[in-house]
Amino acid sequence: YLVAASIIGLIVLMAYLSETMGAGAYRRITWATSVLA
């Protein structure tokens, strides 16, 4: 559950950071690879 909490925190952080990138390929690659990771 500590690792699960860590992964949830990572997804929340990367969701926000991806949004700040605007539309485009960079944003899609960042978000997709974050979720896969």
PDB file of all heavy atoms in Angstrom:
ATOM      1  N   TYR A   1       0.808  -1.220   0.000  1.00  0.00           N
ATOM      2  CA  TYR A   1       0.000   0.000   0.000  1.00  0.00           C
ATOM      3  C   TYR A   1       0.839   1.267   0.000  1.00  0.00           C
ATOM      4  O   TYR A   1       0.398   2.306  -0.504  1.00  0.00           O
ATOM      5  CB  TYR A   1      -1.001  -0.032   1.155  1.00  0.00           C
ATOM      6  CG  TYR A   1      -2.139  -0.973   0.842  1.00  0.00           C
ATOM      7  CD1 TYR A   1      -2.188  -2.248   1.387  1.00  0.00           C
ATOM      8  CD2 TYR A   1      -3.138  -0.609  -0.055  1.00  0.00           C
ATOM      9  CE1 TYR A   1      -3.205  -3.130   1.069  1.00  0.00           C
ATOM     10  CE2 TYR A   1      -4.165  -1.472  -0.383  1.00  0.00           C
ATOM     11  CZ  TYR A   1      -4.196  -2.738   0.183  1.00  0.00           C
ATOM     12  OH  TYR A   1      -5.205  -3.602  -0.163  1.00  0.00           O
ATOM     13  N   LEU A   2       2.051   1.202   0.529  1.00  0.00           N
ATOM     14  CA  LEU A   2       2.950   2.351   0.398  1.00  0.00           C
ATOM     15  C   LEU A   2       3.327   2.568  -1.065  1.00  0.00           C
ATOM     16  O   LEU A   2       3.331   3.699  -1.568  1.00  0.00           O
ATOM     17  CB  LEU A   2       4.202   2.147   1.233  1.00  0.00           C
ATOM     18  CG  LEU A   2       4.080   2.462   2.726  1.00  0.00           C
ATOM     19  CD1 LEU A   2       5.295   1.951   3.484  1.00  0.00           C
ATOM     20  CD2 LEU A   2       3.901   3.959   2.951  1.00  0.00           C
ATOM     21  N   VAL A   3       3.648   1.489  -1.765  1.00  0.00           N
ATOM     22  CA  VAL A   3       3.991   1.612  -3.182  1.00  0.00           C
ATOM     23  C   VAL A   3       2.767   2.037  -3.986  1.00  0.00           C
ATOM     24  O   VAL A   3       2.881   2.852  -4.914  1.00  0.00           O
ATOM     25  CB  VAL A   3       4.587   0.296  -3.715  1.00  0.00           C
ATOM     26  CG1 VAL A   3       4.738   0.340  -5.234  1.00  0.00           C
ATOM     27  CG2 VAL A   3       5.941   0.043  -3.074  1.00  0.00           C
ATOM     28  N   ALA A   4       1.592   1.516  -3.639  1.00  0.00           N
ATOM     29  CA  ALA A   4       0.371   1.947  -4.326  1.00  0.00           C
ATOM     30  C   ALA A   4       0.127   3.442  -4.124  1.00  0.00           C
ATOM     31  O   ALA A   4      -0.224   4.163  -5.069  1.00  0.00           O
ATOM     32  CB  ALA A   4      -0.830   1.143  -3.818  1.00  0.00           C
ATOM     33  N   ALA A   5       0.336   3.933  -2.894  1.00  0.00           N
ATOM     34  CA  ALA A   5       0.187   5.362  -2.633  1.00  0.00           C
ATOM     35  C   ALA A   5       1.193   6.163  -3.448  1.00  0.00           C
ATOM     36  O   ALA A   5       0.875   7.241  -3.978  1.00  0.00           O
ATOM     37  CB  ALA A   5       0.384   5.638  -1.138  1.00  0.00           C
ATOM     38  N   SER A   6       2.391   5.641  -3.570  1.00  0.00           N
ATOM     39  CA  SER A   6       3.421   6.307  -4.364  1.00  0.00           C
ATOM     40  C   SER A   6       2.982   6.429  -5.821  1.00  0.00           C
ATOM     41  O   SER A   6       3.132   7.491  -6.436  1.00  0.00           O
ATOM     42  CB  SER A   6       4.732   5.527  -4.262  1.00  0.00           C
ATOM     43  OG  SER A   6       5.712   6.064  -5.117  1.00  0.00           O
ATOM     44  N   ILE A   7       2.433   5.358  -6.372  1.00  0.00           N
ATOM     45  CA  ILE A   7       2.005   5.369  -7.774  1.00  0.00           C
ATOM     46  C   ILE A   7       0.843   6.334  -7.982  1.00  0.00           C
ATOM     47  O   ILE A   7       0.773   7.054  -8.982  1.00  0.00           O
ATOM     48  CB  ILE A   7       1.631   3.949  -8.223  1.00  0.00           C
ATOM     49  CG1 ILE A   7       2.861   3.043  -8.186  1.00  0.00           C
ATOM     50  CG2 ILE A   7       1.024   3.959  -9.613  1.00  0.00           C
ATOM     51  CD1 ILE A   7       4.029   3.534  -9.002  1.00  0.00           C
ATOM     52  N   ILE A   8      -0.094   6.370  -7.031  1.00  0.00           N
ATOM     53  CA  ILE A   8      -1.208   7.324  -7.127  1.00  0.00           C
ATOM     54  C   ILE A   8      -0.676   8.756  -7.123  1.00  0.00           C
ATOM     55  O   ILE A   8      -1.090   9.602  -7.917  1.00  0.00           O
ATOM     56  CB  ILE A   8      -2.198   7.106  -5.970  1.00  0.00           C
ATOM     57  CG1 ILE A   8      -2.911   5.761  -6.131  1.00  0.00           C
ATOM     58  CG2 ILE A   8      -3.221   8.246  -5.910  1.00  0.00           C
ATOM     59  CD1 ILE A   8      -3.728   5.353  -4.927  1.00  0.00           C
ATOM     60  N   GLY A   9       0.272   9.033  -6.219  1.00  0.00           N
ATOM     61  CA  GLY A   9       0.872  10.364  -6.172  1.00  0.00           C
ATOM     62  C   GLY A   9       1.559  10.722  -7.469  1.00  0.00           C
ATOM     63  O   GLY A   9       1.452  11.861  -7.963  1.00  0.00           O
ATOM     64  N   LEU A  10       2.240   9.755  -8.066  1.00  0.00           N
ATOM     65  CA  LEU A  10       2.925  10.001  -9.336  1.00  0.00           C
ATOM     66  C   LEU A  10       1.931  10.321 -10.451  1.00  0.00           C
ATOM     67  O   LEU A  10       2.148  11.249 -11.234  1.00  0.00           O
ATOM     68  CB  LEU A  10       3.750   8.772  -9.715  1.00  0.00           C
ATOM     69  CG  LEU A  10       4.480   8.838 -11.054  1.00  0.00           C
ATOM     70  CD1 LEU A  10       5.510   9.965 -11.044  1.00  0.00           C
ATOM     71  CD2 LEU A  10       5.130   7.503 -11.385  1.00  0.00           C
ATOM     72  N   ILE A  11       0.834   9.587 -10.502  1.00  0.00           N
ATOM     73  CA  ILE A  11      -0.166   9.826 -11.545  1.00  0.00           C
ATOM     74  C   ILE A  11      -0.780  11.218 -11.389  1.00  0.00           C
ATOM     75  O   ILE A  11      -0.976  11.946 -12.371  1.00  0.00           O
ATOM     76  CB  ILE A  11      -1.253   8.740 -11.497  1.00  0.00           C
ATOM     77  CG1 ILE A  11      -0.662   7.395 -11.957  1.00  0.00           C
ATOM     78  CG2 ILE A  11      -2.445   9.117 -12.373  1.00  0.00           C
ATOM     79  CD1 ILE A  11      -1.601   6.229 -11.813  1.00  0.00           C
ATOM     80  N   VAL A  12      -1.082  11.599 -10.141  1.00  0.00           N
ATOM     81  CA  VAL A  12      -1.647  12.932  -9.898  1.00  0.00           C
ATOM     82  C   VAL A  12      -0.672  14.014 -10.354  1.00  0.00           C
ATOM     83  O   VAL A  12      -1.054  14.991 -11.006  1.00  0.00           O
ATOM     84  CB  VAL A  12      -1.988  13.095  -8.400  1.00  0.00           C
ATOM     85  CG1 VAL A  12      -2.365  14.543  -8.081  1.00  0.00           C
ATOM     86  CG2 VAL A  12      -3.142  12.171  -8.018  1.00  0.00           C
ATOM     87  N   LEU A  13       0.598  13.847 -10.022  1.00  0.00           N
ATOM     88  CA  LEU A  13       1.613  14.829 -10.407  1.00  0.00           C
ATOM     89  C   LEU A  13       1.769  14.906 -11.925  1.00  0.00           C
ATOM     90  O   LEU A  13       1.774  15.994 -12.510  1.00  0.00           O
ATOM     91  CB  LEU A  13       2.950  14.472  -9.761  1.00  0.00           C
ATOM     92  CG  LEU A  13       4.166  15.314 -10.175  1.00  0.00           C
ATOM     93  CD1 LEU A  13       3.949  16.785  -9.852  1.00  0.00           C
ATOM     94  CD2 LEU A  13       5.432  14.788  -9.510  1.00  0.00           C
ATOM     95  N   MET A  14       1.886  13.760 -12.581  1.00  0.00           N
ATOM     96  CA  MET A  14       2.109  13.753 -14.026  1.00  0.00           C
ATOM     97  C   MET A  14       0.879  14.213 -14.790  1.00  0.00           C
ATOM     98  O   MET A  14       1.000  14.786 -15.885  1.00  0.00           O
ATOM     99  CB  MET A  14       2.542  12.365 -14.480  1.00  0.00           C
ATOM    100  CG  MET A  14       3.906  11.940 -13.982  1.00  0.00           C
ATOM    101  SD  MET A  14       5.231  13.163 -14.283  1.00  0.00           S
ATOM    102  CE  MET A  14       5.249  13.212 -16.087  1.00  0.00           C
ATOM    103  N   ALA A  15      -0.312  13.988 -14.251  1.00  0.00           N
ATOM    104  CA  ALA A  15      -1.529  14.491 -14.905  1.00  0.00           C
ATOM    105  C   ALA A  15      -1.492  16.013 -14.960  1.00  0.00           C
ATOM    106  O   ALA A  15      -1.812  16.629 -15.987  1.00  0.00           O
ATOM    107  CB  ALA A  15      -2.767  13.997 -14.160  1.00  0.00           C
ATOM    108  N   TYR A  16      -1.092  16.630 -13.852  1.00  0.00           N
ATOM    109  CA  TYR A  16      -1.015  18.089 -13.826  1.00  0.00           C
ATOM    110  C   TYR A  16       0.089  18.604 -14.745  1.00  0.00           C
ATOM    111  O   TYR A  16      -0.127  19.534 -15.530  1.00  0.00           O
ATOM    112  CB  TYR A  16      -0.758  18.575 -12.397  1.00  0.00           C
ATOM    113  CG  TYR A  16      -0.575  20.075 -12.315  1.00  0.00           C
ATOM    114  CD1 TYR A  16      -1.681  20.924 -12.222  1.00  0.00           C
ATOM    115  CD2 TYR A  16       0.694  20.640 -12.345  1.00  0.00           C
ATOM    116  CE1 TYR A  16      -1.519  22.292 -12.167  1.00  0.00           C
ATOM    117  CE2 TYR A  16       0.860  22.016 -12.298  1.00  0.00           C
ATOM    118  CZ  TYR A  16      -0.248  22.835 -12.200  1.00  0.00           C
ATOM    119  OH  TYR A  16      -0.074  24.198 -12.162  1.00  0.00           O
ATOM    120  N   LEU A  17       1.265  18.007 -14.650  1.00  0.00           N
ATOM    121  CA  LEU A  17       2.375  18.471 -15.480  1.00  0.00           C
ATOM    122  C   LEU A  17       2.064  18.298 -16.963  1.00  0.00           C
ATOM    123  O   LEU A  17       2.436  19.152 -17.780  1.00  0.00           O
ATOM    124  CB  LEU A  17       3.655  17.718 -15.117  1.00  0.00           C
ATOM    125  CG  LEU A  17       4.219  17.980 -13.715  1.00  0.00           C
ATOM    126  CD1 LEU A  17       5.474  17.142 -13.487  1.00  0.00           C
ATOM    127  CD2 LEU A  17       4.527  19.460 -13.513  1.00  0.00           C
ATOM    128  N   SER A  18       1.390  17.230 -17.322  1.00  0.00           N
ATOM    129  CA  SER A  18       1.020  17.024 -18.724  1.00  0.00           C
ATOM    130  C   SER A  18       0.065  18.106 -19.197  1.00  0.00           C
ATOM    131  O   SER A  18       0.162  18.591 -20.332  1.00  0.00           O
ATOM    132  CB  SER A  18       0.385  15.640 -18.906  1.00  0.00           C
ATOM    133  OG  SER A  18       1.296  14.614 -18.596  1.00  0.00           O
ATOM    134  N   GLU A  19      -0.862  18.507 -18.326  1.00  0.00           N
ATOM    135  CA  GLU A  19      -1.814  19.558 -18.695  1.00  0.00           C
ATOM    136  C   GLU A  19      -1.125  20.881 -18.963  1.00  0.00           C
ATOM    137  O   GLU A  19      -1.568  21.660 -19.809  1.00  0.00           O
ATOM    138  CB  GLU A  19      -2.855  19.734 -17.590  1.00  0.00           C
ATOM    139  CG  GLU A  19      -3.880  18.603 -17.511  1.00  0.00           C
ATOM    140  CD  GLU A  19      -4.898  18.851 -16.418  1.00  0.00           C
ATOM    141  OE1 GLU A  19      -4.804  19.912 -15.757  1.00  0.00           O
ATOM    142  OE2 GLU A  19      -5.776  17.997 -16.226  1.00  0.00           O
ATOM    143  N   THR A  20      -0.044  21.146 -18.257  1.00  0.00           N
ATOM    144  CA  THR A  20       0.642  22.427 -18.446  1.00  0.00           C
ATOM    145  C   THR A  20       1.351  22.513 -19.795  1.00  0.00           C
ATOM    146  O   THR A  20       1.774  23.591 -20.204  1.00  0.00           O
ATOM    147  CB  THR A  20       1.691  22.664 -17.337  1.00  0.00           C
ATOM    148  OG1 THR A  20       2.748  21.676 -17.447  1.00  0.00           O
ATOM    149  CG2 THR A  20       1.061  22.571 -15.958  1.00  0.00           C
ATOM    150  N   MET A  21       1.465  21.382 -20.491  1.00  0.00           N
ATOM    151  CA  MET A  21       2.188  21.359 -21.759  1.00  0.00           C
ATOM    152  C   MET A  21       1.316  21.784 -22.936  1.00  0.00           C
ATOM    153  O   MET A  21       1.817  21.990 -24.042  1.00  0.00           O
ATOM    154  CB  MET A  21       2.742  19.955 -22.019  1.00  0.00           C
ATOM    155  CG  MET A  21       3.707  19.466 -20.967  1.00  0.00           C
ATOM    156  SD  MET A  21       4.209  17.745 -21.197  1.00  0.00           S
ATOM    157  CE  MET A  21       5.282  17.912 -22.622  1.00  0.00           C
ATOM    158  N   GLY A  22      -0.010  21.898 -22.716  1.00  0.00           N
ATOM    159  CA  GLY A  22      -0.883  22.231 -23.827  1.00  0.00           C
ATOM    160  C   GLY A  22      -1.081  21.036 -24.734  1.00  0.00           C
ATOM    161  O   GLY A  22      -0.664  19.913 -24.440  1.00  0.00           O
ATOM    162  N   ALA A  23      -1.723  21.257 -25.871  1.00  0.00           N
ATOM    163  CA  ALA A  23      -1.970  20.170 -26.815  1.00  0.00           C
ATOM    164  C   ALA A  23      -0.705  19.881 -27.619  1.00  0.00           C
ATOM    165  O   ALA A  23       0.165  20.729 -27.757  1.00  0.00           O
ATOM    166  CB  ALA A  23      -3.119  20.541 -27.748  1.00  0.00           C
ATOM    167  N   GLY A  24      -0.625  18.672 -28.147  1.00  0.00           N
ATOM    168  CA  GLY A  24       0.511  18.344 -28.996  1.00  0.00           C
ATOM    169  C   GLY A  24       1.115  16.995 -28.683  1.00  0.00           C
ATOM    170  O   GLY A  24       0.737  16.318 -27.710  1.00  0.00           O
ATOM    171  N   ALA A  25       2.077  16.586 -29.503  1.00  0.00           N
ATOM    172  CA  ALA A  25       2.680  15.265 -29.382  1.00  0.00           C
ATOM    173  C   ALA A  25       3.459  15.107 -28.077  1.00  0.00           C
ATOM    174  O   ALA A  25       3.430  14.040 -27.458  1.00  0.00           O
ATOM    175  CB  ALA A  25       3.601  15.008 -30.576  1.00  0.00           C
ATOM    176  N   TYR A  26       4.151  16.163 -27.644  1.00  0.00           N
ATOM    177  CA  TYR A  26       4.930  16.055 -26.409  1.00  0.00           C
ATOM    178  C   TYR A  26       4.033  15.707 -25.231  1.00  0.00           C
ATOM    179  O   TYR A  26       4.383  14.865 -24.402  1.00  0.00           O
ATOM    180  CB  TYR A  26       5.657  17.373 -26.119  1.00  0.00           C
ATOM    181  CG  TYR A  26       6.876  17.615 -26.967  1.00  0.00           C
ATOM    182  CD1 TYR A  26       6.899  18.614 -27.928  1.00  0.00           C
ATOM    183  CD2 TYR A  26       8.020  16.841 -26.798  1.00  0.00           C
ATOM    184  CE1 TYR A  26       8.026  18.843 -28.701  1.00  0.00           C
ATOM    185  CE2 TYR A  26       9.151  17.059 -27.564  1.00  0.00           C
ATOM    186  CZ  TYR A  26       9.151  18.059 -28.522  1.00  0.00           C
ATOM    187  OH  TYR A  26      10.276  18.265 -29.284  1.00  0.00           O
ATOM    188  N   ARG A  27       2.892  16.359 -25.158  1.00  0.00           N
ATOM    189  CA  ARG A  27       1.971  16.086 -24.054  1.00  0.00           C
ATOM    190  C   ARG A  27       1.466  14.649 -24.109  1.00  0.00           C
ATOM    191  O   ARG A  27       1.427  13.953 -23.082  1.00  0.00           O
ATOM    192  CB  ARG A  27       0.786  17.046 -24.104  1.00  0.00           C
ATOM    193  CG  ARG A  27      -0.282  16.733 -23.052  1.00  0.00           C
ATOM    194  CD  ARG A  27      -1.474  17.649 -23.174  1.00  0.00           C
ATOM    195  NE  ARG A  27      -2.503  17.315 -22.198  1.00  0.00           N
ATOM    196  CZ  ARG A  27      -3.644  17.978 -22.047  1.00  0.00           C
ATOM    197  NH1 ARG A  27      -3.899  19.024 -22.819  1.00  0.00           N
ATOM    198  NH2 ARG A  27      -4.519  17.611 -21.147  1.00  0.00           N
ATOM    199  N   ARG A  28       1.091  14.185 -25.284  1.00  0.00           N
ATOM    200  CA  ARG A  28       0.555  12.830 -25.416  1.00  0.00           C
ATOM    201  C   ARG A  28       1.611  11.788 -25.057  1.00  0.00           C
ATOM    202  O   ARG A  28       1.305  10.797 -24.376  1.00  0.00           O
ATOM    203  CB  ARG A  28       0.037  12.603 -26.838  1.00  0.00           C
ATOM    204  CG  ARG A  28      -1.201  13.413 -27.181  1.00  0.00           C
ATOM    205  CD  ARG A  28      -1.849  12.931 -28.463  1.00  0.00           C
ATOM    206  NE  ARG A  28      -0.997  13.143 -29.621  1.00  0.00           N
ATOM    207  CZ  ARG A  28      -0.992  14.252 -30.351  1.00  0.00           C
ATOM    208  NH1 ARG A  28      -1.803  15.254 -30.034  1.00  0.00           N
ATOM    209  NH2 ARG A  28      -0.202  14.373 -31.404  1.00  0.00           N
ATOM    210  N   ILE A  29       2.831  12.017 -25.498  1.00  0.00           N
ATOM    211  CA  ILE A  29       3.905  11.067 -25.174  1.00  0.00           C
ATOM    212  C   ILE A  29       4.186  11.064 -23.674  1.00  0.00           C
ATOM    213  O   ILE A  29       4.340  10.005 -23.052  1.00  0.00           O
ATOM    214  CB  ILE A  29       5.175  11.417 -25.961  1.00  0.00           C
ATOM    215  CG1 ILE A  29       4.949  11.188 -27.459  1.00  0.00           C
ATOM    216  CG2 ILE A  29       6.369  10.581 -25.475  1.00  0.00           C
ATOM    217  CD1 ILE A  29       6.073  11.708 -28.327  1.00  0.00           C
ATOM    218  N   THR A  30       4.247  12.247 -23.069  1.00  0.00           N
ATOM    219  CA  THR A  30       4.526  12.345 -21.630  1.00  0.00           C
ATOM    220  C   THR A  30       3.476  11.616 -20.815  1.00  0.00           C
ATOM    221  O   THR A  30       3.797  10.825 -19.916  1.00  0.00           O
ATOM    222  CB  THR A  30       4.598  13.821 -21.201  1.00  0.00           C
ATOM    223  OG1 THR A  30       5.681  14.463 -21.878  1.00  0.00           O
ATOM    224  CG2 THR A  30       4.805  13.952 -19.700  1.00  0.00           C
ATOM    225  N   TRP A  31       2.201  11.872 -21.124  1.00  0.00           N
ATOM    226  CA  TRP A  31       1.127  11.270 -20.337  1.00  0.00           C
ATOM    227  C   TRP A  31       1.047   9.756 -20.569  1.00  0.00           C
ATOM    228  O   TRP A  31       0.932   8.976 -19.625  1.00  0.00           O
ATOM    229  CB  TRP A  31      -0.197  11.932 -20.667  1.00  0.00           C
ATOM    230  CG  TRP A  31      -1.370  11.336 -19.945  1.00  0.00           C
ATOM    231  CD1 TRP A  31      -2.507  10.829 -20.496  1.00  0.00           C
ATOM    232  CD2 TRP A  31      -1.532  11.191 -18.518  1.00  0.00           C
ATOM    233  NE1 TRP A  31      -3.357  10.364 -19.519  1.00  0.00           N
ATOM    234  CE2 TRP A  31      -2.780  10.581 -18.300  1.00  0.00           C
ATOM    235  CE3 TRP A  31      -0.731  11.514 -17.416  1.00  0.00           C
ATOM    236  CZ2 TRP A  31      -3.250  10.278 -17.031  1.00  0.00           C
ATOM    237  CZ3 TRP A  31      -1.195  11.210 -16.140  1.00  0.00           C
ATOM    238  CH2 TRP A  31      -2.442  10.610 -15.961  1.00  0.00           C
ATOM    239  N   ALA A  32       1.143   9.329 -21.824  1.00  0.00           N
ATOM    240  CA  ALA A  32       1.029   7.904 -22.134  1.00  0.00           C
ATOM    241  C   ALA A  32       2.158   7.102 -21.490  1.00  0.00           C
ATOM    242  O   ALA A  32       1.920   6.050 -20.870  1.00  0.00           O
ATOM    243  CB  ALA A  32       1.029   7.691 -23.644  1.00  0.00           C
ATOM    244  N   THR A  33       3.384   7.582 -21.598  1.00  0.00           N
ATOM    245  CA  THR A  33       4.503   6.839 -21.013  1.00  0.00           C
ATOM    246  C   THR A  33       4.469   6.884 -19.487  1.00  0.00           C
ATOM    247  O   THR A  33       4.894   5.929 -18.829  1.00  0.00           O
ATOM    248  CB  THR A  33       5.850   7.370 -21.528  1.00  0.00           C
ATOM    249  OG1 THR A  33       5.895   8.797 -21.389  1.00  0.00           O
ATOM    250  CG2 THR A  33       6.054   7.005 -22.995  1.00  0.00           C
ATOM    251  N   SER A  34       3.923   7.958 -18.914  1.00  0.00           N
ATOM    252  CA  SER A  34       3.779   8.021 -17.451  1.00  0.00           C
ATOM    253  C   SER A  34       2.808   6.954 -16.960  1.00  0.00           C
ATOM    254  O   SER A  34       3.069   6.267 -15.962  1.00  0.00           O
ATOM    255  CB  SER A  34       3.271   9.401 -17.028  1.00  0.00           C
ATOM    256  OG  SER A  34       4.193  10.406 -17.330  1.00  0.00           O
ATOM    257  N   VAL A  35       1.685   6.811 -17.640  1.00  0.00           N
ATOM    258  CA  VAL A  35       0.684   5.816 -17.247  1.00  0.00           C
ATOM    259  C   VAL A  35       1.240   4.404 -17.415  1.00  0.00           C
ATOM    260  O   VAL A  35       1.072   3.539 -16.538  1.00  0.00           O
ATOM    261  CB  VAL A  35      -0.607   5.997 -18.066  1.00  0.00           C
ATOM    262  CG1 VAL A  35      -1.580   4.842 -17.806  1.00  0.00           C
ATOM    263  CG2 VAL A  35      -1.271   7.327 -17.717  1.00  0.00           C
ATOM    264  N   LEU A  36       1.920   4.155 -18.531  1.00  0.00           N
ATOM    265  CA  LEU A  36       2.520   2.843 -18.747  1.00  0.00           C
ATOM    266  C   LEU A  36       3.582   2.539 -17.694  1.00  0.00           C
ATOM    267  O   LEU A  36       3.679   1.406 -17.195  1.00  0.00           O
ATOM    268  CB  LEU A  36       3.131   2.777 -20.147  1.00  0.00           C
ATOM    269  CG  LEU A  36       2.146   2.721 -21.315  1.00  0.00           C
ATOM    270  CD1 LEU A  36       2.889   2.858 -22.639  1.00  0.00           C
ATOM    271  CD2 LEU A  36       1.347   1.422 -21.294  1.00  0.00           C
ATOM    272  N   ALA A  37       4.370   3.546 -17.336  1.00  0.00           N
ATOM    273  CA  ALA A  37       5.400   3.354 -16.314  1.00  0.00           C
ATOM    274  C   ALA A  37       4.775   3.047 -14.961  1.00  0.00           C
ATOM    275  O   ALA A  37       5.242   2.155 -14.235  1.00  0.00           O
ATOM    276  CB  ALA A  37       6.279   4.598 -16.216  1.00  0.00           C
TER     277      ALA A  37
END
